[in-house]
C-alpha atoms as a PDB file:
ATOM      1  CA  MET A   1      78.580  96.434 104.771  1.00  0.00           C
ATOM      2  CA  PRO A   2      79.642 100.028 104.065  1.00  0.00           C
ATOM      3  CA  SER A   3      77.037 102.298 102.524  1.00  0.00           C
ATOM      4  CA  VAL A   4      76.463 105.882 101.460  1.00  0.00           C
ATOM      5  CA  LEU A   5      73.320 107.914 101.959  1.00  0.00           C
ATOM      6  CA  ALA A   6      73.406 111.180 100.039  1.00  0.00           C
ATOM      7  CA  GLU A   7      70.688 113.810 100.125  1.00  0.00           C
ATOM      8  CA  ILE A   8      71.353 115.585  96.857  1.00  0.00           C
ATOM      9  CA  ALA A   9      68.347 117.809  96.267  1.00  0.00           C
ATOM     10  CA  PHE A  10      64.698 118.144  97.092  1.00  0.00           C
ATOM     11  CA  VAL A  11      61.961 117.763  94.485  1.00  0.00           C
ATOM     12  CA  SER A  12      59.843 120.102  96.611  1.00  0.00           C
ATOM     13  CA  HIS A  13      62.316 122.879  95.720  1.00  0.00           C
ATOM     14  CA  ARG A  14      61.412 123.975  92.184  1.00  0.00           C
ATOM     15  CA  GLU A  15      64.909 124.976  91.053  1.00  0.00           C
ATOM     16  CA  GLU A  16      66.411 121.731  92.345  1.00  0.00           C
ATOM     17  CA  GLU A  17      63.644 119.736  90.687  1.00  0.00           C
ATOM     18  CA  LYS A  18      64.471 121.362  87.342  1.00  0.00           C
ATOM     19  CA  LEU A  19      68.151 120.560  87.791  1.00  0.00           C
ATOM     20  CA  LEU A  20      67.392 116.952  88.674  1.00  0.00           C
ATOM     21  CA  ARG A  21      65.565 116.576  85.381  1.00  0.00           C
ATOM     22  CA  THR A  22      68.792 117.209  83.428  1.00  0.00           C
ATOM     23  CA  SER A  23      71.167 114.376  82.711  1.00  0.00           C
ATOM     24  CA  ALA A  24      74.153 116.735  82.988  1.00  0.00           C
ATOM     25  CA  TYR A  25      73.253 117.590  86.594  1.00  0.00           C
ATOM     26  CA  ARG A  26      72.705 113.939  87.492  1.00  0.00           C
ATOM     27  CA  GLU A  27      76.064 113.057  85.895  1.00  0.00           C
ATOM     28  CA  ALA A  28      77.768 115.801  87.925  1.00  0.00           C
ATOM     29  CA  ILE A  29      76.186 114.435  91.101  1.00  0.00           C
ATOM     30  CA  ALA A  30      77.282 110.891  90.277  1.00  0.00           C
ATOM     31  CA  GLU A  31      80.826 112.054  89.486  1.00  0.00           C
ATOM     32  CA  GLY A  32      81.026 113.963  92.753  1.00  0.00           C
ATOM     33  CA  LEU A  33      79.843 110.956  94.727  1.00  0.00           C
ATOM     34  CA  LEU A  34      82.324 108.694  92.924  1.00  0.00           C
ATOM     35  CA  GLN A  35      85.218 111.053  93.640  1.00  0.00           C
ATOM     36  CA  GLY A  36      84.218 111.260  97.298  1.00  0.00           C
ATOM     37  CA  VAL A  37      84.102 107.471  97.674  1.00  0.00           C
ATOM     38  CA  ARG A  38      87.436 107.114  95.868  1.00  0.00           C
ATOM     39  CA  ARG A  39      89.052 109.709  98.124  1.00  0.00           C
ATOM     40  CA  TYR A  40      87.659 107.960 101.195  1.00  0.00           C
ATOM     41  CA  LEU A  41      88.985 104.590 100.047  1.00  0.00           C
ATOM     42  CA  ASP A  42      92.378 106.077  99.180  1.00  0.00           C
ATOM     43  CA  ASP A  43      92.593 107.666 102.632  1.00  0.00           C
ATOM     44  CA  LEU A  44      91.450 104.472 104.297  1.00  0.00           C
ATOM     45  CA  HIS A  45      94.069 102.443 102.424  1.00  0.00           C
ATOM     46  CA  ALA A  46      96.784 105.005 103.195  1.00  0.00           C
ATOM     47  CA  GLY A  47      95.873 104.952 106.891  1.00  0.00           C
ATOM     48  CA  LYS A  48      96.072 101.152 107.059  1.00  0.00           C
ATOM     49  CA  ALA A  49      99.366 101.168 105.181  1.00  0.00           C
ATOM     50  CA  GLN A  50     100.804 103.801 107.536  1.00  0.00           C
ATOM     51  CA  ALA A  51      99.733 101.764 110.566  1.00  0.00           C
ATOM     52  CA  LEU A  52     101.371  98.628 109.151  1.00  0.00           C
ATOM     53  CA  ALA A  53     104.516 100.608 108.336  1.00  0.00           C
ATOM     54  CA  ALA A  54     104.616 102.019 111.880  1.00  0.00           C
ATOM     55  CA  ASP A  55     104.507  98.442 113.184  1.00  0.00           C
ATOM     56  CA  GLY A  56     107.347  97.495 110.849  1.00  0.00           C
ATOM     57  CA  VAL A  57     105.175  95.066 108.892  1.00  0.00           C
ATOM     58  CA  ILE A  58     105.611  96.820 105.538  1.00  0.00           C
ATOM     59  CA  GLU A  59     107.653  99.624 104.006  1.00  0.00           C
ATOM     60  CA  PRO A  60     106.100 103.076 104.409  1.00  0.00           C
ATOM     61  CA  PRO A  61     103.787 103.965 101.512  1.00  0.00           C
ATOM     62  CA  PRO A  62     104.923 106.653  99.076  1.00  0.00           C
ATOM     63  CA  ARG A  63     103.482 110.104  99.597  1.00  0.00           C
ATOM     64  CA  ARG A  64     100.393 110.864  97.545  1.00  0.00           C
ATOM     65  CA  THR A  65     100.110 113.785  95.213  1.00  0.00           C
ATOM     66  CA  ALA A  66      96.950 115.837  95.250  1.00  0.00           C
ATOM     67  CA  ARG A  67      94.240 114.778  92.808  1.00  0.00           C
ATOM     68  CA  ARG A  68      92.214 117.279  90.877  1.00  0.00           C
END
């Protein structure tokens, strides 16, 4: 089972504790984590597709454009 462990901030650090109390900061953290997982899954899928294409099992996948 894949998992993610992210150390985002430390409540023992006063400035980080203040940031963690804001919903905007927590939303930004969640969005960053989501984008990272999506990018990982996209890369994983692209790598599997390229391997299958190299073996002649499927057509090569189209090239990705950069996400922002």
